[in-house]
Amino acid sequence: MNSSEFIIKNSIEDQPIGETENFIWFICDIGIFAIFKNNINIPENKILSEALFIALDLSKEEKELYSIEGKKIILFYS
């Protein structure tokens, strides 16, 4: 497990900052991440529009996908 995965895993227990149709959103020490509610592929523009729904503009952020404890997660960071 790399350091990003460790930080995300520890932050999953924290209070989410929001929830949208397909994601539960969290903040962590390295950025913002979203846990997919379903293990389906979602187009990037749909992910970004859901982020905007809870007032997060992540369009210029870097992103990485992870699978942690069977959960599909997308991390956004600068």
PDB file of N, CA and C in Angstrom:
ATOM      1  N   MET A   1       0.846  -1.174   0.000  1.00  0.00           N
ATOM      2  CA  MET A   1       0.000   0.000   0.000  1.00  0.00           C
ATOM      3  C   MET A   1       0.890   1.235   0.000  1.00  0.00           C
ATOM      4  N   ASN A   2       0.657   2.148  -0.967  1.00  0.00           N
ATOM      5  CA  ASN A   2       1.473   3.353  -1.004  1.00  0.00           C
ATOM      6  C   ASN A   2       0.915   4.396  -0.034  1.00  0.00           C
ATOM      7  N   SER A   3       1.636   5.504   0.123  1.00  0.00           N
ATOM      8  CA  SER A   3       1.247   6.504   1.122  1.00  0.00           C
ATOM      9  C   SER A   3      -0.111   7.142   0.809  1.00  0.00           C
ATOM     10  N   SER A   4      -0.421   7.364  -0.462  1.00  0.00           N
ATOM     11  CA  SER A   4      -1.729   7.932  -0.816  1.00  0.00           C
ATOM     12  C   SER A   4      -2.855   6.994  -0.397  1.00  0.00           C
ATOM     13  N   GLU A   5      -2.693   5.715  -0.662  1.00  0.00           N
ATOM     14  CA  GLU A   5      -3.715   4.738  -0.280  1.00  0.00           C
ATOM     15  C   GLU A   5      -3.892   4.703   1.237  1.00  0.00           C
ATOM     16  N   PHE A   6      -2.791   4.800   1.963  1.00  0.00           N
ATOM     17  CA  PHE A   6      -2.839   4.802   3.428  1.00  0.00           C
ATOM     18  C   PHE A   6      -3.629   6.006   3.937  1.00  0.00           C
ATOM     19  N   ILE A   7      -3.358   7.190   3.379  1.00  0.00           N
ATOM     20  CA  ILE A   7      -4.060   8.408   3.793  1.00  0.00           C
ATOM     21  C   ILE A   7      -5.551   8.308   3.472  1.00  0.00           C
ATOM     22  N   ILE A   8      -5.873   7.835   2.276  1.00  0.00           N
ATOM     23  CA  ILE A   8      -7.282   7.681   1.892  1.00  0.00           C
ATOM     24  C   ILE A   8      -7.979   6.701   2.825  1.00  0.00           C
ATOM     25  N   LYS A   9      -7.353   5.566   3.056  1.00  0.00           N
ATOM     26  CA  LYS A   9      -7.959   4.535   3.911  1.00  0.00           C
ATOM     27  C   LYS A   9      -8.266   5.093   5.300  1.00  0.00           C
ATOM     28  N   ASN A  10      -7.357   5.879   5.851  1.00  0.00           N
ATOM     29  CA  ASN A  10      -7.581   6.454   7.178  1.00  0.00           C
ATOM     30  C   ASN A  10      -8.671   7.521   7.168  1.00  0.00           C
ATOM     31  N   SER A  11      -8.860   8.192   6.048  1.00  0.00           N
ATOM     32  CA  SER A  11      -9.846   9.274   5.960  1.00  0.00           C
ATOM     33  C   SER A  11     -11.259   8.777   5.674  1.00  0.00           C
ATOM     34  N   ILE A  12     -11.408   7.536   5.258  1.00  0.00           N
ATOM     35  CA  ILE A  12     -12.737   6.989   4.963  1.00  0.00           C
ATOM     36  C   ILE A  12     -13.616   6.983   6.216  1.00  0.00           C
ATOM     37  N   GLU A  13     -13.009   6.904   7.372  1.00  0.00           N
ATOM     38  CA  GLU A  13     -13.767   6.902   8.619  1.00  0.00           C
ATOM     39  C   GLU A  13     -14.265   8.288   9.001  1.00  0.00           C
ATOM     40  N   ASP A  14     -13.745   9.350   8.359  1.00  0.00           N
ATOM     41  CA  ASP A  14     -14.147  10.718   8.662  1.00  0.00           C
ATOM     42  C   ASP A  14     -15.541  11.015   8.106  1.00  0.00           C
ATOM     43  N   GLN A  15     -16.093  12.129   8.528  1.00  0.00           N
ATOM     44  CA  GLN A  15     -17.396  12.577   8.043  1.00  0.00           C
ATOM     45  C   GLN A  15     -17.276  12.993   6.575  1.00  0.00           C
ATOM     46  N   PRO A  16     -18.142  12.508   5.685  1.00  0.00           N
ATOM     47  CA  PRO A  16     -18.113  12.947   4.286  1.00  0.00           C
ATOM     48  C   PRO A  16     -18.440  14.437   4.172  1.00  0.00           C
ATOM     49  N   ILE A  17     -17.930  15.075   3.119  1.00  0.00           N
ATOM     50  CA  ILE A  17     -18.252  16.486   2.889  1.00  0.00           C
ATOM     51  C   ILE A  17     -19.482  16.629   1.993  1.00  0.00           C
ATOM     52  N   GLY A  18     -19.929  15.529   1.421  1.00  0.00           N
ATOM     53  CA  GLY A  18     -21.116  15.570   0.583  1.00  0.00           C
ATOM     54  C   GLY A  18     -21.399  14.236  -0.056  1.00  0.00           C
ATOM     55  N   GLU A  19     -22.579  14.140  -0.627  1.00  0.00           N
ATOM     56  CA  GLU A  19     -22.973  12.919  -1.325  1.00  0.00           C
ATOM     57  C   GLU A  19     -23.758  13.319  -2.566  1.00  0.00           C
ATOM     58  N   THR A  20     -23.464  12.645  -3.674  1.00  0.00           N
ATOM     59  CA  THR A  20     -24.167  12.889  -4.927  1.00  0.00           C
ATOM     60  C   THR A  20     -24.730  11.567  -5.428  1.00  0.00           C
ATOM     61  N   GLU A  21     -25.289  11.590  -6.601  1.00  0.00           N
ATOM     62  CA  GLU A  21     -25.936  10.402  -7.155  1.00  0.00           C
ATOM     63  C   GLU A  21     -25.015   9.174  -7.168  1.00  0.00           C
ATOM     64  N   ASN A  22     -23.771   9.368  -7.573  1.00  0.00           N
ATOM     65  CA  ASN A  22     -22.858   8.235  -7.754  1.00  0.00           C
ATOM     66  C   ASN A  22     -21.683   8.174  -6.792  1.00  0.00           C
ATOM     67  N   PHE A  23     -21.535   9.184  -5.914  1.00  0.00           N
ATOM     68  CA  PHE A  23     -20.329   9.265  -5.090  1.00  0.00           C
ATOM     69  C   PHE A  23     -20.626   9.726  -3.670  1.00  0.00           C
ATOM     70  N   ILE A  24     -19.710   9.332  -2.771  1.00  0.00           N
ATOM     71  CA  ILE A  24     -19.624   9.899  -1.434  1.00  0.00           C
ATOM     72  C   ILE A  24     -18.282  10.611  -1.398  1.00  0.00           C
ATOM     73  N   TRP A  25     -18.275  11.910  -1.047  1.00  0.00           N
ATOM     74  CA  TRP A  25     -17.110  12.778  -1.149  1.00  0.00           C
ATOM     75  C   TRP A  25     -16.467  13.009   0.210  1.00  0.00           C
ATOM     76  N   PHE A  26     -15.128  12.973   0.219  1.00  0.00           N
ATOM     77  CA  PHE A  26     -14.356  13.167   1.439  1.00  0.00           C
ATOM     78  C   PHE A  26     -13.196  14.123   1.176  1.00  0.00           C
ATOM     79  N   ILE A  27     -12.692  14.707   2.238  1.00  0.00           N
ATOM     80  CA  ILE A  27     -11.470  15.494   2.168  1.00  0.00           C
ATOM     81  C   ILE A  27     -10.405  14.732   2.952  1.00  0.00           C
ATOM     82  N   CYS A  28      -9.161  14.831   2.488  1.00  0.00           N
ATOM     83  CA  CYS A  28      -8.051  14.203   3.198  1.00  0.00           C
ATOM     84  C   CYS A  28      -6.829  15.117   3.101  1.00  0.00           C
ATOM     85  N   ASP A  29      -5.747  14.726   3.702  1.00  0.00           N
ATOM     86  CA  ASP A  29      -4.540  15.559   3.752  1.00  0.00           C
ATOM     87  C   ASP A  29      -3.951  15.860   2.385  1.00  0.00           C
ATOM     88  N   ILE A  30      -4.236  15.054   1.386  1.00  0.00           N
ATOM     89  CA  ILE A  30      -3.629  15.253   0.062  1.00  0.00           C
ATOM     90  C   ILE A  30      -4.612  15.719  -0.994  1.00  0.00           C
ATOM     91  N   GLY A  31      -5.877  15.875  -0.638  1.00  0.00           N
ATOM     92  CA  GLY A  31      -6.844  16.331  -1.627  1.00  0.00           C
ATOM     93  C   GLY A  31      -8.263  15.939  -1.278  1.00  0.00           C
ATOM     94  N   ILE A  32      -9.048  15.763  -2.305  1.00  0.00           N
ATOM     95  CA  ILE A  32     -10.449  15.369  -2.173  1.00  0.00           C
ATOM     96  C   ILE A  32     -10.621  14.037  -2.900  1.00  0.00           C
ATOM     97  N   PHE A  33     -11.338  13.119  -2.281  1.00  0.00           N
ATOM     98  CA  PHE A  33     -11.583  11.852  -2.959  1.00  0.00           C
ATOM     99  C   PHE A  33     -13.055  11.490  -2.886  1.00  0.00           C
ATOM    100  N   ALA A  34     -13.449  10.669  -3.834  1.00  0.00           N
ATOM    101  CA  ALA A  34     -14.834  10.224  -3.917  1.00  0.00           C
ATOM    102  C   ALA A  34     -14.858   8.708  -4.011  1.00  0.00           C
ATOM    103  N   ILE A  35     -15.731   8.117  -3.238  1.00  0.00           N
ATOM    104  CA  ILE A  35     -15.956   6.682  -3.299  1.00  0.00           C
ATOM    105  C   ILE A  35     -17.141   6.439  -4.225  1.00  0.00           C
ATOM    106  N   PHE A  36     -16.943   5.600  -5.217  1.00  0.00           N
ATOM    107  CA  PHE A  36     -18.029   5.237  -6.124  1.00  0.00           C
ATOM    108  C   PHE A  36     -19.064   4.422  -5.343  1.00  0.00           C
ATOM    109  N   LYS A  37     -20.332   4.752  -5.495  1.00  0.00           N
ATOM    110  CA  LYS A  37     -21.396   3.988  -4.843  1.00  0.00           C
ATOM    111  C   LYS A  37     -21.607   2.639  -5.532  1.00  0.00           C
ATOM    112  N   ASN A  38     -21.365   2.611  -6.834  1.00  0.00           N
ATOM    113  CA  ASN A  38     -21.482   1.380  -7.614  1.00  0.00           C
ATOM    114  C   ASN A  38     -20.178   1.182  -8.374  1.00  0.00           C
ATOM    115  N   ASN A  39     -19.850  -0.014  -8.661  1.00  0.00           N
ATOM    116  CA  ASN A  39     -18.597  -0.307  -9.368  1.00  0.00           C
ATOM    117  C   ASN A  39     -18.818  -0.239 -10.880  1.00  0.00           C
ATOM    118  N   ILE A  40     -19.264   0.926 -11.345  1.00  0.00           N
ATOM    119  CA  ILE A  40     -19.497   1.124 -12.777  1.00  0.00           C
ATOM    120  C   ILE A  40     -18.597   2.244 -13.280  1.00  0.00           C
ATOM    121  N   ASN A  41     -18.325   2.245 -14.563  1.00  0.00           N
ATOM    122  CA  ASN A  41     -17.541   3.316 -15.160  1.00  0.00           C
ATOM    123  C   ASN A  41     -18.437   4.523 -15.389  1.00  0.00           C
ATOM    124  N   ILE A  42     -17.944   5.682 -14.982  1.00  0.00           N
ATOM    125  CA  ILE A  42     -18.684   6.924 -15.128  1.00  0.00           C
ATOM    126  C   ILE A  42     -17.797   7.894 -15.897  1.00  0.00           C
ATOM    127  N   PRO A  43     -18.319   8.546 -16.933  1.00  0.00           N
ATOM    128  CA  PRO A  43     -17.503   9.481 -17.712  1.00  0.00           C
ATOM    129  C   PRO A  43     -16.995  10.637 -16.847  1.00  0.00           C
ATOM    130  N   GLU A  44     -15.813  11.121 -17.200  1.00  0.00           N
ATOM    131  CA  GLU A  44     -15.185  12.184 -16.412  1.00  0.00           C
ATOM    132  C   GLU A  44     -16.077  13.414 -16.292  1.00  0.00           C
ATOM    133  N   ASN A  45     -16.761  13.795 -17.373  1.00  0.00           N
ATOM    134  CA  ASN A  45     -17.612  14.989 -17.295  1.00  0.00           C
ATOM    135  C   ASN A  45     -18.753  14.806 -16.289  1.00  0.00           C
ATOM    136  N   LYS A  46     -19.255  13.594 -16.129  1.00  0.00           N
ATOM    137  CA  LYS A  46     -20.303  13.307 -15.139  1.00  0.00           C
ATOM    138  C   LYS A  46     -19.735  13.417 -13.722  1.00  0.00           C
ATOM    139  N   ILE A  47     -18.505  12.921 -13.522  1.00  0.00           N
ATOM    140  CA  ILE A  47     -17.852  13.027 -12.216  1.00  0.00           C
ATOM    141  C   ILE A  47     -17.696  14.494 -11.843  1.00  0.00           C
ATOM    142  N   LEU A  48     -17.188  15.293 -12.785  1.00  0.00           N
ATOM    143  CA  LEU A  48     -16.953  16.714 -12.512  1.00  0.00           C
ATOM    144  C   LEU A  48     -18.264  17.465 -12.276  1.00  0.00           C
ATOM    145  N   SER A  49     -19.332  17.113 -12.995  1.00  0.00           N
ATOM    146  CA  SER A  49     -20.613  17.797 -12.784  1.00  0.00           C
ATOM    147  C   SER A  49     -21.199  17.450 -11.421  1.00  0.00           C
ATOM    148  N   GLU A  50     -20.990  16.215 -10.970  1.00  0.00           N
ATOM    149  CA  GLU A  50     -21.457  15.853  -9.627  1.00  0.00           C
ATOM    150  C   GLU A  50     -20.664  16.596  -8.566  1.00  0.00           C
ATOM    151  N   ALA A  51     -19.370  16.792  -8.793  1.00  0.00           N
ATOM    152  CA  ALA A  51     -18.551  17.573  -7.860  1.00  0.00           C
ATOM    153  C   ALA A  51     -19.072  19.008  -7.776  1.00  0.00           C
ATOM    154  N   LEU A  52     -19.407  19.590  -8.911  1.00  0.00           N
ATOM    155  CA  LEU A  52     -19.956  20.954  -8.924  1.00  0.00           C
ATOM    156  C   LEU A  52     -21.269  21.049  -8.158  1.00  0.00           C
ATOM    157  N   PHE A  53     -22.039  19.967  -8.162  1.00  0.00           N
ATOM    158  CA  PHE A  53     -23.305  19.937  -7.445  1.00  0.00           C
ATOM    159  C   PHE A  53     -23.119  20.216  -5.958  1.00  0.00           C
ATOM    160  N   ILE A  54     -21.958  19.821  -5.412  1.00  0.00           N
ATOM    161  CA  ILE A  54     -21.672  20.099  -3.997  1.00  0.00           C
ATOM    162  C   ILE A  54     -20.589  21.176  -3.862  1.00  0.00           C
ATOM    163  N   ALA A  55     -20.494  22.027  -4.877  1.00  0.00           N
ATOM    164  CA  ALA A  55     -19.629  23.219  -4.873  1.00  0.00           C
ATOM    165  C   ALA A  55     -18.137  22.902  -4.903  1.00  0.00           C
ATOM    166  N   LEU A  56     -17.754  21.846  -5.602  1.00  0.00           N
ATOM    167  CA  LEU A  56     -16.343  21.517  -5.783  1.00  0.00           C
ATOM    168  C   LEU A  56     -15.990  21.641  -7.261  1.00  0.00           C
ATOM    169  N   ASP A  57     -15.090  22.566  -7.593  1.00  0.00           N
ATOM    170  CA  ASP A  57     -14.609  22.678  -8.969  1.00  0.00           C
ATOM    171  C   ASP A  57     -13.284  21.933  -9.051  1.00  0.00           C
ATOM    172  N   LEU A  58     -13.332  20.731  -9.571  1.00  0.00           N
ATOM    173  CA  LEU A  58     -12.151  19.869  -9.635  1.00  0.00           C
ATOM    174  C   LEU A  58     -11.619  19.741 -11.057  1.00  0.00           C
ATOM    175  N   SER A  59     -12.056  20.603 -11.949  1.00  0.00           N
ATOM    176  CA  SER A  59     -11.725  20.487 -13.369  1.00  0.00           C
ATOM    177  C   SER A  59     -10.230  20.652 -13.665  1.00  0.00           C
ATOM    178  N   LYS A  60      -9.485  21.340 -12.815  1.00  0.00           N
ATOM    179  CA  LYS A  60      -8.061  21.553 -13.068  1.00  0.00           C
ATOM    180  C   LYS A  60      -7.166  20.690 -12.181  1.00  0.00           C
ATOM    181  N   GLU A  61      -7.764  19.811 -11.413  1.00  0.00           N
ATOM    182  CA  GLU A  61      -7.008  18.961 -10.491  1.00  0.00           C
ATOM    183  C   GLU A  61      -6.489  17.711 -11.203  1.00  0.00           C
ATOM    184  N   GLU A  62      -5.368  17.211 -10.716  1.00  0.00           N
ATOM    185  CA  GLU A  62      -4.867  15.902 -11.146  1.00  0.00           C
ATOM    186  C   GLU A  62      -5.772  14.854 -10.526  1.00  0.00           C
ATOM    187  N   LYS A  63      -5.813  13.672 -11.121  1.00  0.00           N
ATOM    188  CA  LYS A  63      -6.644  12.617 -10.545  1.00  0.00           C
ATOM    189  C   LYS A  63      -5.973  11.255 -10.670  1.00  0.00           C
ATOM    190  N   GLU A  64      -6.287  10.400  -9.729  1.00  0.00           N
ATOM    191  CA  GLU A  64      -5.790   9.027  -9.718  1.00  0.00           C
ATOM    192  C   GLU A  64      -6.925   8.116  -9.256  1.00  0.00           C
ATOM    193  N   LEU A  65      -6.977   6.922  -9.819  1.00  0.00           N
ATOM    194  CA  LEU A  65      -7.970   5.926  -9.418  1.00  0.00           C
ATOM    195  C   LEU A  65      -7.324   4.892  -8.505  1.00  0.00           C
ATOM    196  N   TYR A  66      -8.067   4.469  -7.512  1.00  0.00           N
ATOM    197  CA  TYR A  66      -7.603   3.455  -6.574  1.00  0.00           C
ATOM    198  C   TYR A  66      -8.710   2.445  -6.338  1.00  0.00           C
ATOM    199  N   SER A  67      -8.301   1.275  -5.898  1.00  0.00           N
ATOM    200  CA  SER A  67      -9.223   0.280  -5.383  1.00  0.00           C
ATOM    201  C   SER A  67      -8.711  -0.081  -3.997  1.00  0.00           C
ATOM    202  N   ILE A  68      -9.473   0.281  -2.986  1.00  0.00           N
ATOM    203  CA  ILE A  68      -9.055   0.060  -1.604  1.00  0.00           C
ATOM    204  C   ILE A  68     -10.163  -0.696  -0.899  1.00  0.00           C
ATOM    205  N   GLU A  69      -9.832  -1.859  -0.382  1.00  0.00           N
ATOM    206  CA  GLU A  69     -10.783  -2.716   0.320  1.00  0.00           C
ATOM    207  C   GLU A  69     -12.055  -2.939  -0.496  1.00  0.00           C
ATOM    208  N   GLY A  70     -11.872  -3.149  -1.804  1.00  0.00           N
ATOM    209  CA  GLY A  70     -12.986  -3.431  -2.685  1.00  0.00           C
ATOM    210  C   GLY A  70     -13.793  -2.219  -3.113  1.00  0.00           C
ATOM    211  N   LYS A  71     -13.369  -1.031  -2.688  1.00  0.00           N
ATOM    212  CA  LYS A  71     -14.076   0.196  -3.062  1.00  0.00           C
ATOM    213  C   LYS A  71     -13.305   0.902  -4.165  1.00  0.00           C
ATOM    214  N   LYS A  72     -14.027   1.355  -5.180  1.00  0.00           N
ATOM    215  CA  LYS A  72     -13.430   2.128  -6.271  1.00  0.00           C
ATOM    216  C   LYS A  72     -13.417   3.593  -5.833  1.00  0.00           C
ATOM    217  N   ILE A  73     -12.234   4.229  -5.904  1.00  0.00           N
ATOM    218  CA  ILE A  73     -12.038   5.583  -5.386  1.00  0.00           C
ATOM    219  C   ILE A  73     -11.301   6.422  -6.407  1.00  0.00           C
ATOM    220  N   ILE A  74     -11.705   7.688  -6.536  1.00  0.00           N
ATOM    221  CA  ILE A  74     -10.991   8.638  -7.367  1.00  0.00           C
ATOM    222  C   ILE A  74     -10.486   9.765  -6.468  1.00  0.00           C
ATOM    223  N   LEU A  75      -9.189  10.040  -6.571  1.00  0.00           N
ATOM    224  CA  LEU A  75      -8.535  11.083  -5.781  1.00  0.00           C
ATOM    225  C   LEU A  75      -8.236  12.269  -6.682  1.00  0.00           C
ATOM    226  N   PHE A  76      -8.588  13.462  -6.217  1.00  0.00           N
ATOM    227  CA  PHE A  76      -8.264  14.709  -6.900  1.00  0.00           C
ATOM    228  C   PHE A  76      -7.265  15.467  -6.033  1.00  0.00           C
ATOM    229  N   TYR A  77      -6.200  15.981  -6.663  1.00  0.00           N
ATOM    230  CA  TYR A  77      -5.183  16.718  -5.912  1.00  0.00           C
ATOM    231  C   TYR A  77      -4.495  17.725  -6.840  1.00  0.00           C
ATOM    232  N   SER A  78      -3.817  18.697  -6.230  1.00  0.00           N
ATOM    233  CA  SER A  78      -3.091  19.712  -7.003  1.00  0.00           C
ATOM    234  C   SER A  78      -1.618  19.362  -7.077  1.00  0.00           C
TER     235      SER A  78
END
